[in-house]
Amino acid sequence: MRGDTIVGITVSDPPYGYETFKIMLKVTGHRDHLWLDSGVYGDDGQGARREQVNALADAFVDTLARGAAMPSGALIRFGSDEDASEWVLSSLG
């Protein structure tokens, strides 16, 4: 999807502790949300995990903005442990 088609980003509230928080994207032309699984499981009762996923969602928005500024566009992916578990941009050009 293109970054300019994303009209909303929010984080889900998993009903059970064994389910993961998901980042939900509302995209132009799609009736249903698109889901990015954060891999972070349910709340710990203190909100720390929710804060972690909120930070991931905020970082996604920042990465999306940086990708939009690249003349050839960019692929955004979640990095592996070697990438310090953060969003990684790859130029499409």
C-alpha atoms as a PDB file:
ATOM      1  CA  MET A   1       0.000   0.000   0.000  1.00  0.00           C
ATOM      2  CA  ARG A   2       1.100   3.568  -0.449  1.00  0.00           C
ATOM      3  CA  GLY A   3       1.623   5.795   2.547  1.00  0.00           C
ATOM      4  CA  ASP A   4      -0.740   8.436   1.207  1.00  0.00           C
ATOM      5  CA  THR A   5      -3.614   5.926   1.295  1.00  0.00           C
ATOM      6  CA  ILE A   6      -3.379   5.414   5.070  1.00  0.00           C
ATOM      7  CA  VAL A   7      -6.052   7.514   6.745  1.00  0.00           C
ATOM      8  CA  GLY A   8      -5.835   6.168  10.295  1.00  0.00           C
ATOM      9  CA  ILE A   9      -3.608   4.182  12.651  1.00  0.00           C
ATOM     10  CA  THR A  10      -4.646   2.807  16.029  1.00  0.00           C
ATOM     11  CA  VAL A  11      -3.703   0.000  18.413  1.00  0.00           C
ATOM     12  CA  SER A  12      -6.087  -2.849  19.283  1.00  0.00           C
ATOM     13  CA  ASP A  13      -7.112  -3.892  22.783  1.00  0.00           C
ATOM     14  CA  PRO A  14      -6.680  -7.672  22.980  1.00  0.00           C
ATOM     15  CA  PRO A  15      -9.399  -9.214  25.146  1.00  0.00           C
ATOM     16  CA  TYR A  16      -7.097 -11.922  26.507  1.00  0.00           C
ATOM     17  CA  GLY A  17      -3.540 -11.814  27.828  1.00  0.00           C
ATOM     18  CA  TYR A  18      -2.377 -14.503  25.405  1.00  0.00           C
ATOM     19  CA  GLU A  19      -3.370 -12.432  22.336  1.00  0.00           C
ATOM     20  CA  THR A  20      -1.059  -9.865  20.809  1.00  0.00           C
ATOM     21  CA  PHE A  21      -1.631  -6.170  20.398  1.00  0.00           C
ATOM     22  CA  LYS A  22      -2.133  -5.273  16.762  1.00  0.00           C
ATOM     23  CA  ILE A  23      -1.557  -2.022  14.904  1.00  0.00           C
ATOM     24  CA  MET A  24      -4.652  -1.359  12.808  1.00  0.00           C
ATOM     25  CA  LEU A  25      -4.412   0.665   9.610  1.00  0.00           C
ATOM     26  CA  LYS A  26      -7.415   2.224   7.914  1.00  0.00           C
ATOM     27  CA  VAL A  27      -6.592   2.499   4.232  1.00  0.00           C
ATOM     28  CA  THR A  28      -8.454   4.322   1.481  1.00  0.00           C
ATOM     29  CA  GLY A  29     -10.284   1.818  -0.715  1.00  0.00           C
ATOM     30  CA  HIS A  30     -10.367  -0.909   1.946  1.00  0.00           C
ATOM     31  CA  ARG A  31     -13.529  -1.362   3.977  1.00  0.00           C
ATOM     32  CA  ASP A  32     -11.817  -3.432   6.670  1.00  0.00           C
ATOM     33  CA  HIS A  33      -8.752  -2.549   8.712  1.00  0.00           C
ATOM     34  CA  LEU A  34      -5.371  -3.941   7.725  1.00  0.00           C
ATOM     35  CA  TRP A  35      -3.525  -5.454  10.685  1.00  0.00           C
ATOM     36  CA  LEU A  36       0.130  -5.422  11.668  1.00  0.00           C
ATOM     37  CA  ASP A  37       0.770  -7.901  14.462  1.00  0.00           C
ATOM     38  CA  SER A  38       3.122  -6.315  17.003  1.00  0.00           C
ATOM     39  CA  GLY A  39       4.170  -9.622  18.545  1.00  0.00           C
ATOM     40  CA  VAL A  40       3.662  -8.039  21.989  1.00  0.00           C
ATOM     41  CA  TYR A  41       1.291 -10.116  24.113  1.00  0.00           C
ATOM     42  CA  GLY A  42      -1.591  -8.777  26.213  1.00  0.00           C
ATOM     43  CA  ASP A  43      -1.363  -6.195  28.934  1.00  0.00           C
ATOM     44  CA  ASP A  44       0.795  -6.685  32.016  1.00  0.00           C
ATOM     45  CA  GLY A  45      -1.682  -4.890  34.284  1.00  0.00           C
ATOM     46  CA  GLN A  46       0.501  -1.790  34.399  1.00  0.00           C
ATOM     47  CA  GLY A  47       0.150  -0.643  30.799  1.00  0.00           C
ATOM     48  CA  ALA A  48       3.840  -1.096  29.931  1.00  0.00           C
ATOM     49  CA  ARG A  49       3.138  -3.403  26.996  1.00  0.00           C
ATOM     50  CA  ARG A  50       0.448  -1.096  25.669  1.00  0.00           C
ATOM     51  CA  GLU A  51       2.936   1.777  25.861  1.00  0.00           C
ATOM     52  CA  GLN A  52       5.473  -0.339  23.984  1.00  0.00           C
ATOM     53  CA  VAL A  53       3.022  -0.980  21.143  1.00  0.00           C
ATOM     54  CA  ASN A  54       1.915   2.665  21.099  1.00  0.00           C
ATOM     55  CA  ALA A  55       5.591   3.565  20.650  1.00  0.00           C
ATOM     56  CA  LEU A  56       5.804   1.062  17.751  1.00  0.00           C
ATOM     57  CA  ALA A  57       2.772   2.702  16.130  1.00  0.00           C
ATOM     58  CA  ASP A  58       4.277   6.186  16.581  1.00  0.00           C
ATOM     59  CA  ALA A  59       7.571   4.966  15.119  1.00  0.00           C
ATOM     60  CA  PHE A  60       5.653   3.517  12.154  1.00  0.00           C
ATOM     61  CA  VAL A  61       4.143   6.945  11.452  1.00  0.00           C
ATOM     62  CA  ASP A  62       7.587   8.577  11.668  1.00  0.00           C
ATOM     63  CA  THR A  63       9.080   5.938   9.367  1.00  0.00           C
ATOM     64  CA  LEU A  64       6.189   6.370   6.947  1.00  0.00           C
ATOM     65  CA  ALA A  65       6.892  10.109   6.796  1.00  0.00           C
ATOM     66  CA  ARG A  66      10.599   9.487   6.119  1.00  0.00           C
ATOM     67  CA  GLY A  67       9.691   6.973   3.394  1.00  0.00           C
ATOM     68  CA  ALA A  68       7.319   9.435   1.753  1.00  0.00           C
ATOM     69  CA  ALA A  69      10.183  11.916   1.487  1.00  0.00           C
ATOM     70  CA  MET A  70      12.279   9.461  -0.534  1.00  0.00           C
ATOM     71  CA  PRO A  71      11.994  10.311  -4.258  1.00  0.00           C
ATOM     72  CA  SER A  72      11.712   6.692  -5.389  1.00  0.00           C
ATOM     73  CA  GLY A  73       9.480   5.544  -2.535  1.00  0.00           C
ATOM     74  CA  ALA A  74      10.353   2.998   0.115  1.00  0.00           C
ATOM     75  CA  LEU A  75       9.535  -0.381   1.527  1.00  0.00           C
ATOM     76  CA  ILE A  76       8.909  -0.373   5.278  1.00  0.00           C
ATOM     77  CA  ARG A  77       9.452  -3.542   7.266  1.00  0.00           C
ATOM     78  CA  PHE A  78       9.920  -4.437  10.893  1.00  0.00           C
ATOM     79  CA  GLY A  79      13.552  -5.296  11.483  1.00  0.00           C
ATOM     80  CA  SER A  80      14.989  -8.403  13.021  1.00  0.00           C
ATOM     81  CA  ASP A  81      16.916  -8.529  16.291  1.00  0.00           C
ATOM     82  CA  GLU A  82      20.005  -7.481  14.357  1.00  0.00           C
ATOM     83  CA  ASP A  83      18.179  -4.289  13.374  1.00  0.00           C
ATOM     84  CA  ALA A  84      17.403  -3.512  17.041  1.00  0.00           C
ATOM     85  CA  SER A  85      13.746  -4.462  16.498  1.00  0.00           C
ATOM     86  CA  GLU A  86      12.694  -1.254  14.809  1.00  0.00           C
ATOM     87  CA  TRP A  87      11.147  -0.194  11.521  1.00  0.00           C
ATOM     88  CA  VAL A  88      13.579  -0.352   8.611  1.00  0.00           C
ATOM     89  CA  LEU A  89      13.323   1.631   5.377  1.00  0.00           C
ATOM     90  CA  SER A  90      14.564   0.236   2.064  1.00  0.00           C
ATOM     91  CA  SER A  91      14.627   2.481  -0.991  1.00  0.00           C
ATOM     92  CA  LEU A  92      12.673   1.200  -3.992  1.00  0.00           C
ATOM     93  CA  GLY A  93      14.905   3.072  -6.448  1.00  0.00           C
END
